[in-house]
C-alpha cells in the first residue's frame, strides 16, 4: 500500500471534525521537530522495501504543532506527512500534527478542539470520532473491537482507545482512534497500519499517545 492509497484514510478521519463540535480549533499546520538526542530534524524516509521487523522503535524525536498546544514523541526515521496525505489540502488544514513512516506504512495524525464546544463528555467525543470513521464510507467491513479507558503516562489525561479492523482497497488494516480529554481541549489521534502488524503497531501507537503532552 503506497502513500497515495493512504490519502482516503486520512479523509476518513477528516469526517470526524465536522461531526464533532466544529468550534474554533486553531489550524496552524507548522510542525517543529527536534531530536531529543541530537537536536536534528527527522530523517527522510528510505526507499527500502517494507520493513517486516517486529521491533518497537524508540521515540527519540519530539514533534509539536505550530502553537505549542500539542507535543508527541515519534521514532527518528518518521517524517512529516504535511502535503502528502491529501492533495486537496483538507488534511493539512485540519491536523496540526501529521507524521508517519512509509517504509512500515504506519501513520499518526492529530487535531484538537475546545472543550467548550457541542460535545460535553469524553465518552461522547469518542463516540463521535468512531462513528465518523466507521460510517465515512471509505472503509468497508468495519469491525469495532471495543473501546478501552486509559490514563496517559505523560499528561495523566483520561483517554478512550477504540480499535477498528476494516478493509481498504482489498487490504485489511487496523485503525485506532484515541480520544483524549485535556484541561482546555479534546484531542484526537487517528493511527493506522497493516492489520497483520497489529501487535507491533498497537504498542507503538500506545507509546506515542502515552508520551503526548497538551494543555
C-alpha atoms as a PDB file:
ATOM      1  CA  UNK A   1       0.000   0.000   0.000  1.00  0.00           C
ATOM      2  CA  UNK A   2       1.660   3.214  -1.154  1.00  0.00           C
ATOM      3  CA  UNK A   3       1.269   6.661   0.370  1.00  0.00           C
ATOM      4  CA  UNK A   4      -1.251   7.689  -2.327  1.00  0.00           C
ATOM      5  CA  UNK A   5      -3.532   4.910  -1.132  1.00  0.00           C
ATOM      6  CA  UNK A   6      -3.428   6.247   2.399  1.00  0.00           C
ATOM      7  CA  UNK A   7      -4.973   9.587   1.442  1.00  0.00           C
ATOM      8  CA  UNK A   8      -8.550   8.355   1.690  1.00  0.00           C
ATOM      9  CA  UNK A   9      -7.845   7.025   5.162  1.00  0.00           C
ATOM     10  CA  UNK A  10      -6.820  10.495   6.205  1.00  0.00           C
ATOM     11  CA  UNK A  11     -10.022  11.795   4.657  1.00  0.00           C
ATOM     12  CA  UNK A  12     -11.969   9.284   6.717  1.00  0.00           C
ATOM     13  CA  UNK A  13     -10.530  10.958   9.789  1.00  0.00           C
ATOM     14  CA  UNK A  14     -11.448  14.385   8.426  1.00  0.00           C
ATOM     15  CA  UNK A  15     -15.111  13.405   8.646  1.00  0.00           C
ATOM     16  CA  UNK A  16     -14.852  13.395  12.415  1.00  0.00           C
ATOM     17  CA  UNK A  17     -14.067  17.099  12.526  1.00  0.00           C
ATOM     18  CA  UNK A  18     -17.391  18.278  11.177  1.00  0.00           C
ATOM     19  CA  UNK A  19     -19.214  15.617  13.148  1.00  0.00           C
ATOM     20  CA  UNK A  20     -17.796  16.923  16.420  1.00  0.00           C
ATOM     21  CA  UNK A  21     -18.084  20.440  17.740  1.00  0.00           C
ATOM     22  CA  UNK A  22     -16.854  22.343  14.713  1.00  0.00           C
ATOM     23  CA  UNK A  23     -15.665  25.028  17.087  1.00  0.00           C
ATOM     24  CA  UNK A  24     -12.743  27.400  16.822  1.00  0.00           C
ATOM     25  CA  UNK A  25      -9.880  24.929  16.584  1.00  0.00           C
ATOM     26  CA  UNK A  26      -6.636  26.571  15.512  1.00  0.00           C
ATOM     27  CA  UNK A  27      -5.491  25.483  12.064  1.00  0.00           C
ATOM     28  CA  UNK A  28      -1.812  26.322  12.021  1.00  0.00           C
ATOM     29  CA  UNK A  29      -0.002  23.426  10.388  1.00  0.00           C
ATOM     30  CA  UNK A  30       3.620  24.258  11.088  1.00  0.00           C
ATOM     31  CA  UNK A  31       5.390  21.380  12.809  1.00  0.00           C
ATOM     32  CA  UNK A  32       8.653  21.799  14.664  1.00  0.00           C
ATOM     33  CA  UNK A  33      10.707  18.648  15.122  1.00  0.00           C
ATOM     34  CA  UNK A  34      13.702  18.386  17.434  1.00  0.00           C
ATOM     35  CA  UNK A  35      15.661  15.243  18.172  1.00  0.00           C
ATOM     36  CA  UNK A  36      15.913  14.556  21.854  1.00  0.00           C
ATOM     37  CA  UNK A  37      19.405  13.142  21.338  1.00  0.00           C
ATOM     38  CA  UNK A  38      20.972  15.295  18.623  1.00  0.00           C
ATOM     39  CA  UNK A  39      18.596  18.243  18.079  1.00  0.00           C
ATOM     40  CA  UNK A  40      18.286  17.312  14.402  1.00  0.00           C
ATOM     41  CA  UNK A  41      15.187  17.058  12.175  1.00  0.00           C
ATOM     42  CA  UNK A  42      13.679  13.648  11.491  1.00  0.00           C
ATOM     43  CA  UNK A  43      15.409  11.705   8.735  1.00  0.00           C
ATOM     44  CA  UNK A  44      13.879  11.322   5.302  1.00  0.00           C
ATOM     45  CA  UNK A  45      12.065   8.057   4.671  1.00  0.00           C
ATOM     46  CA  UNK A  46      14.104   5.340   2.993  1.00  0.00           C
ATOM     47  CA  UNK A  47      13.032   3.844  -0.321  1.00  0.00           C
ATOM     48  CA  UNK A  48      13.784   0.347   1.005  1.00  0.00           C
ATOM     49  CA  UNK A  49      11.156  -2.422   0.828  1.00  0.00           C
ATOM     50  CA  UNK A  50       8.543  -2.695   3.562  1.00  0.00           C
ATOM     51  CA  UNK A  51      10.138  -3.462   6.922  1.00  0.00           C
ATOM     52  CA  UNK A  52       8.866  -6.743   8.376  1.00  0.00           C
ATOM     53  CA  UNK A  53      10.567  -6.307  11.744  1.00  0.00           C
ATOM     54  CA  UNK A  54       8.501  -6.648  14.902  1.00  0.00           C
ATOM     55  CA  UNK A  55      10.886  -4.416  16.835  1.00  0.00           C
ATOM     56  CA  UNK A  56       9.275  -1.417  18.529  1.00  0.00           C
ATOM     57  CA  UNK A  57      11.390   1.672  17.720  1.00  0.00           C
ATOM     58  CA  UNK A  58      12.328   4.147  20.430  1.00  0.00           C
ATOM     59  CA  UNK A  59      10.656   7.550  20.463  1.00  0.00           C
ATOM     60  CA  UNK A  60      13.595   9.915  20.086  1.00  0.00           C
ATOM     61  CA  UNK A  61      12.089  12.849  18.159  1.00  0.00           C
ATOM     62  CA  UNK A  62       9.806  15.489  19.668  1.00  0.00           C
ATOM     63  CA  UNK A  63       7.060  16.853  17.382  1.00  0.00           C
ATOM     64  CA  UNK A  64       4.989  19.895  18.315  1.00  0.00           C
ATOM     65  CA  UNK A  65       2.267  21.746  16.465  1.00  0.00           C
ATOM     66  CA  UNK A  66       2.752  25.373  15.431  1.00  0.00           C
ATOM     67  CA  UNK A  67       1.057  26.762  18.534  1.00  0.00           C
ATOM     68  CA  UNK A  68       2.696  24.595  21.195  1.00  0.00           C
ATOM     69  CA  UNK A  69      -0.670  23.089  22.067  1.00  0.00           C
ATOM     70  CA  UNK A  70       0.320  19.512  21.246  1.00  0.00           C
ATOM     71  CA  UNK A  71       3.568  17.629  21.676  1.00  0.00           C
ATOM     72  CA  UNK A  72       4.312  13.974  20.932  1.00  0.00           C
ATOM     73  CA  UNK A  73       7.369  11.777  20.513  1.00  0.00           C
ATOM     74  CA  UNK A  74       7.947   9.610  17.449  1.00  0.00           C
ATOM     75  CA  UNK A  75      10.728   7.366  16.076  1.00  0.00           C
ATOM     76  CA  UNK A  76      13.687   9.102  14.448  1.00  0.00           C
ATOM     77  CA  UNK A  77      13.004   7.747  10.955  1.00  0.00           C
ATOM     78  CA  UNK A  78       9.465   9.126  10.782  1.00  0.00           C
ATOM     79  CA  UNK A  79       8.761  12.131   8.585  1.00  0.00           C
ATOM     80  CA  UNK A  80       6.239  14.920   8.209  1.00  0.00           C
ATOM     81  CA  UNK A  81       3.155  13.937   6.237  1.00  0.00           C
ATOM     82  CA  UNK A  82       2.135  17.533   5.591  1.00  0.00           C
ATOM     83  CA  UNK A  83       1.227  17.853   1.916  1.00  0.00           C
ATOM     84  CA  UNK A  84       1.431  14.089   1.337  1.00  0.00           C
ATOM     85  CA  UNK A  85      -1.817  12.625   2.636  1.00  0.00           C
ATOM     86  CA  UNK A  86      -4.366  14.622   0.699  1.00  0.00           C
ATOM     87  CA  UNK A  87      -3.751  16.702  -2.460  1.00  0.00           C
ATOM     88  CA  UNK A  88      -6.789  18.862  -1.693  1.00  0.00           C
ATOM     89  CA  UNK A  89      -5.119  20.241   1.422  1.00  0.00           C
ATOM     90  CA  UNK A  90      -8.038  19.410   3.714  1.00  0.00           C
ATOM     91  CA  UNK A  91      -5.933  17.233   5.960  1.00  0.00           C
ATOM     92  CA  UNK A  92      -3.163  19.831   6.112  1.00  0.00           C
ATOM     93  CA  UNK A  93      -5.636  22.484   7.182  1.00  0.00           C
ATOM     94  CA  UNK A  94      -7.195  20.439   9.962  1.00  0.00           C
ATOM     95  CA  UNK A  95      -4.479  18.269  11.502  1.00  0.00           C
ATOM     96  CA  UNK A  96      -1.617  20.228  13.092  1.00  0.00           C
ATOM     97  CA  UNK A  97       0.381  17.019  13.592  1.00  0.00           C
ATOM     98  CA  UNK A  98       0.742  14.533  10.731  1.00  0.00           C
ATOM     99  CA  UNK A  99       3.639  12.094  10.899  1.00  0.00           C
ATOM    100  CA  UNK A 100       4.386   8.578   9.740  1.00  0.00           C
ATOM    101  CA  UNK A 101       6.741   6.047   8.201  1.00  0.00           C
ATOM    102  CA  UNK A 102       6.200   4.993   4.606  1.00  0.00           C
ATOM    103  CA  UNK A 103       8.567   2.060   4.987  1.00  0.00           C
ATOM    104  CA  UNK A 104       6.365   0.323   7.565  1.00  0.00           C
ATOM    105  CA  UNK A 105       3.140   2.077   6.489  1.00  0.00           C
ATOM    106  CA  UNK A 106       2.188   3.436   9.887  1.00  0.00           C
ATOM    107  CA  UNK A 107       0.693   6.902  10.309  1.00  0.00           C
ATOM    108  CA  UNK A 108      -0.487   9.204  13.098  1.00  0.00           C
ATOM    109  CA  UNK A 109      -2.484  12.393  12.637  1.00  0.00           C
ATOM    110  CA  UNK A 110      -3.859  14.577  15.401  1.00  0.00           C
ATOM    111  CA  UNK A 111      -6.083  17.569  15.979  1.00  0.00           C
ATOM    112  CA  UNK A 112      -7.852  19.246  18.873  1.00  0.00           C
ATOM    113  CA  UNK A 113     -10.843  21.391  19.709  1.00  0.00           C
ATOM    114  CA  UNK A 114     -12.089  23.340  22.696  1.00  0.00           C
ATOM    115  CA  UNK A 115     -13.998  21.539  25.417  1.00  0.00           C
ATOM    116  CA  UNK A 116     -16.483  24.418  25.230  1.00  0.00           C
ATOM    117  CA  UNK A 117     -17.978  23.019  22.026  1.00  0.00           C
ATOM    118  CA  UNK A 118     -21.055  20.907  21.401  1.00  0.00           C
ATOM    119  CA  UNK A 119     -19.514  17.684  22.740  1.00  0.00           C
ATOM    120  CA  UNK A 120     -19.632  17.727  26.525  1.00  0.00           C
ATOM    121  CA  UNK A 121     -18.109  14.433  27.690  1.00  0.00           C
ATOM    122  CA  UNK A 122     -15.144  12.264  26.729  1.00  0.00           C
ATOM    123  CA  UNK A 123     -17.483   9.348  26.004  1.00  0.00           C
ATOM    124  CA  UNK A 124     -19.492  11.488  23.591  1.00  0.00           C
ATOM    125  CA  UNK A 125     -16.356  12.787  21.910  1.00  0.00           C
ATOM    126  CA  UNK A 126     -15.008   9.267  21.474  1.00  0.00           C
ATOM    127  CA  UNK A 127     -18.304   8.061  20.021  1.00  0.00           C
ATOM    128  CA  UNK A 128     -18.414  10.915  17.527  1.00  0.00           C
ATOM    129  CA  UNK A 129     -14.903  10.148  16.305  1.00  0.00           C
ATOM    130  CA  UNK A 130     -15.530   6.423  15.993  1.00  0.00           C
ATOM    131  CA  UNK A 131     -18.851   6.877  14.224  1.00  0.00           C
ATOM    132  CA  UNK A 132     -17.306   9.407  11.849  1.00  0.00           C
ATOM    133  CA  UNK A 133     -14.611   6.997  10.709  1.00  0.00           C
ATOM    134  CA  UNK A 134     -16.806   3.872  10.761  1.00  0.00           C
ATOM    135  CA  UNK A 135     -19.589   5.469   8.750  1.00  0.00           C
ATOM    136  CA  UNK A 136     -17.496   7.602   6.441  1.00  0.00           C
ATOM    137  CA  UNK A 137     -17.854   5.220   3.507  1.00  0.00           C
ATOM    138  CA  UNK A 138     -14.106   4.901   2.930  1.00  0.00           C
ATOM    139  CA  UNK A 139     -13.592   1.731   4.960  1.00  0.00           C
ATOM    140  CA  UNK A 140     -15.616  -1.448   4.398  1.00  0.00           C
ATOM    141  CA  UNK A 141     -16.338  -4.456   6.602  1.00  0.00           C
ATOM    142  CA  UNK A 142     -15.589  -2.354   9.668  1.00  0.00           C
ATOM    143  CA  UNK A 143     -15.283  -4.365  12.860  1.00  0.00           C
ATOM    144  CA  UNK A 144     -15.267  -2.455  16.127  1.00  0.00           C
ATOM    145  CA  UNK A 145     -13.063  -4.395  18.542  1.00  0.00           C
ATOM    146  CA  UNK A 146     -14.123  -2.305  21.510  1.00  0.00           C
ATOM    147  CA  UNK A 147     -13.134   0.775  23.486  1.00  0.00           C
ATOM    148  CA  UNK A 148     -10.771   0.865  26.453  1.00  0.00           C
ATOM    149  CA  UNK A 149     -10.211   3.603  29.027  1.00  0.00           C
ATOM    150  CA  UNK A 150      -6.659   4.849  29.510  1.00  0.00           C
ATOM    151  CA  UNK A 151      -4.790   7.348  31.657  1.00  0.00           C
ATOM    152  CA  UNK A 152      -1.905   8.732  29.608  1.00  0.00           C
ATOM    153  CA  UNK A 153       1.562   8.434  31.100  1.00  0.00           C
ATOM    154  CA  UNK A 154       2.996  11.886  30.393  1.00  0.00           C
ATOM    155  CA  UNK A 155      -0.069  14.109  30.789  1.00  0.00           C
ATOM    156  CA  UNK A 156      -2.219  11.945  33.094  1.00  0.00           C
ATOM    157  CA  UNK A 157      -5.173  12.863  30.867  1.00  0.00           C
ATOM    158  CA  UNK A 158      -8.094  10.455  30.588  1.00  0.00           C
ATOM    159  CA  UNK A 159      -8.441   8.828  27.173  1.00  0.00           C
ATOM    160  CA  UNK A 160     -10.519   6.345  25.224  1.00  0.00           C
ATOM    161  CA  UNK A 161      -8.922   3.983  22.710  1.00  0.00           C
ATOM    162  CA  UNK A 162     -11.056   2.266  20.070  1.00  0.00           C
ATOM    163  CA  UNK A 163      -9.630  -0.347  17.716  1.00  0.00           C
ATOM    164  CA  UNK A 164     -11.232  -0.888  14.322  1.00  0.00           C
ATOM    165  CA  UNK A 165     -10.414  -3.554  11.762  1.00  0.00           C
ATOM    166  CA  UNK A 166     -11.536  -2.836   8.228  1.00  0.00           C
ATOM    167  CA  UNK A 167     -10.889  -3.460   4.555  1.00  0.00           C
ATOM    168  CA  UNK A 168      -9.456  -0.711   2.426  1.00  0.00           C
ATOM    169  CA  UNK A 169      -8.974  -1.311  -1.311  1.00  0.00           C
ATOM    170  CA  UNK A 170      -8.503  -5.048  -0.767  1.00  0.00           C
ATOM    171  CA  UNK A 171      -6.134  -4.706   2.200  1.00  0.00           C
ATOM    172  CA  UNK A 172      -7.076  -5.345   5.829  1.00  0.00           C
ATOM    173  CA  UNK A 173      -5.991  -2.504   8.065  1.00  0.00           C
ATOM    174  CA  UNK A 174      -6.131  -1.660  11.735  1.00  0.00           C
ATOM    175  CA  UNK A 175      -7.372   1.850  12.512  1.00  0.00           C
ATOM    176  CA  UNK A 176      -7.042   3.063  16.105  1.00  0.00           C
ATOM    177  CA  UNK A 177      -8.814   6.167  17.399  1.00  0.00           C
ATOM    178  CA  UNK A 178      -7.716   7.834  20.625  1.00  0.00           C
ATOM    179  CA  UNK A 179      -9.970  10.456  22.207  1.00  0.00           C
ATOM    180  CA  UNK A 180      -8.201  12.434  24.926  1.00  0.00           C
ATOM    181  CA  UNK A 181      -9.666  14.841  27.472  1.00  0.00           C
ATOM    182  CA  UNK A 182      -7.272  17.685  28.221  1.00  0.00           C
ATOM    183  CA  UNK A 183      -7.684  20.630  30.551  1.00  0.00           C
ATOM    184  CA  UNK A 184      -8.928  23.033  27.876  1.00  0.00           C
ATOM    185  CA  UNK A 185      -9.266  20.839  24.787  1.00  0.00           C
ATOM    186  CA  UNK A 186     -10.327  17.470  23.482  1.00  0.00           C
ATOM    187  CA  UNK A 187      -7.622  15.779  21.395  1.00  0.00           C
ATOM    188  CA  UNK A 188      -7.964  13.217  18.624  1.00  0.00           C
ATOM    189  CA  UNK A 189      -5.298  10.793  17.440  1.00  0.00           C
ATOM    190  CA  UNK A 190      -6.008   8.691  14.354  1.00  0.00           C
ATOM    191  CA  UNK A 191      -3.477   5.915  13.803  1.00  0.00           C
ATOM    192  CA  UNK A 192      -3.425   3.211  11.137  1.00  0.00           C
ATOM    193  CA  UNK A 193      -1.321   0.456   9.608  1.00  0.00           C
ATOM    194  CA  UNK A 194      -1.490  -3.091   8.265  1.00  0.00           C
ATOM    195  CA  UNK A 195      -3.674  -5.447  10.288  1.00  0.00           C
ATOM    196  CA  UNK A 196      -1.063  -8.205  10.169  1.00  0.00           C
ATOM    197  CA  UNK A 197       1.269  -5.914  12.145  1.00  0.00           C
ATOM    198  CA  UNK A 198      -1.363  -5.141  14.770  1.00  0.00           C
ATOM    199  CA  UNK A 199       0.631  -6.299  17.802  1.00  0.00           C
ATOM    200  CA  UNK A 200       3.648  -4.193  16.869  1.00  0.00           C
ATOM    201  CA  UNK A 201       1.612  -1.181  15.771  1.00  0.00           C
ATOM    202  CA  UNK A 202      -0.646  -1.133  18.815  1.00  0.00           C
ATOM    203  CA  UNK A 203       2.329  -0.963  21.149  1.00  0.00           C
ATOM    204  CA  UNK A 204       3.967   1.714  19.036  1.00  0.00           C
ATOM    205  CA  UNK A 205       0.810   3.827  18.820  1.00  0.00           C
ATOM    206  CA  UNK A 206       0.183   3.446  22.550  1.00  0.00           C
ATOM    207  CA  UNK A 207       3.729   4.613  23.255  1.00  0.00           C
ATOM    208  CA  UNK A 208       3.289   7.672  21.054  1.00  0.00           C
ATOM    209  CA  UNK A 209      -0.036   8.702  22.567  1.00  0.00           C
ATOM    210  CA  UNK A 210       1.141   7.980  26.105  1.00  0.00           C
ATOM    211  CA  UNK A 211       4.007  10.418  25.512  1.00  0.00           C
ATOM    212  CA  UNK A 212       1.562  13.138  24.402  1.00  0.00           C
ATOM    213  CA  UNK A 213       1.588  16.449  26.268  1.00  0.00           C
ATOM    214  CA  UNK A 214      -1.117  19.098  25.741  1.00  0.00           C
ATOM    215  CA  UNK A 215      -2.947  21.896  27.510  1.00  0.00           C
END
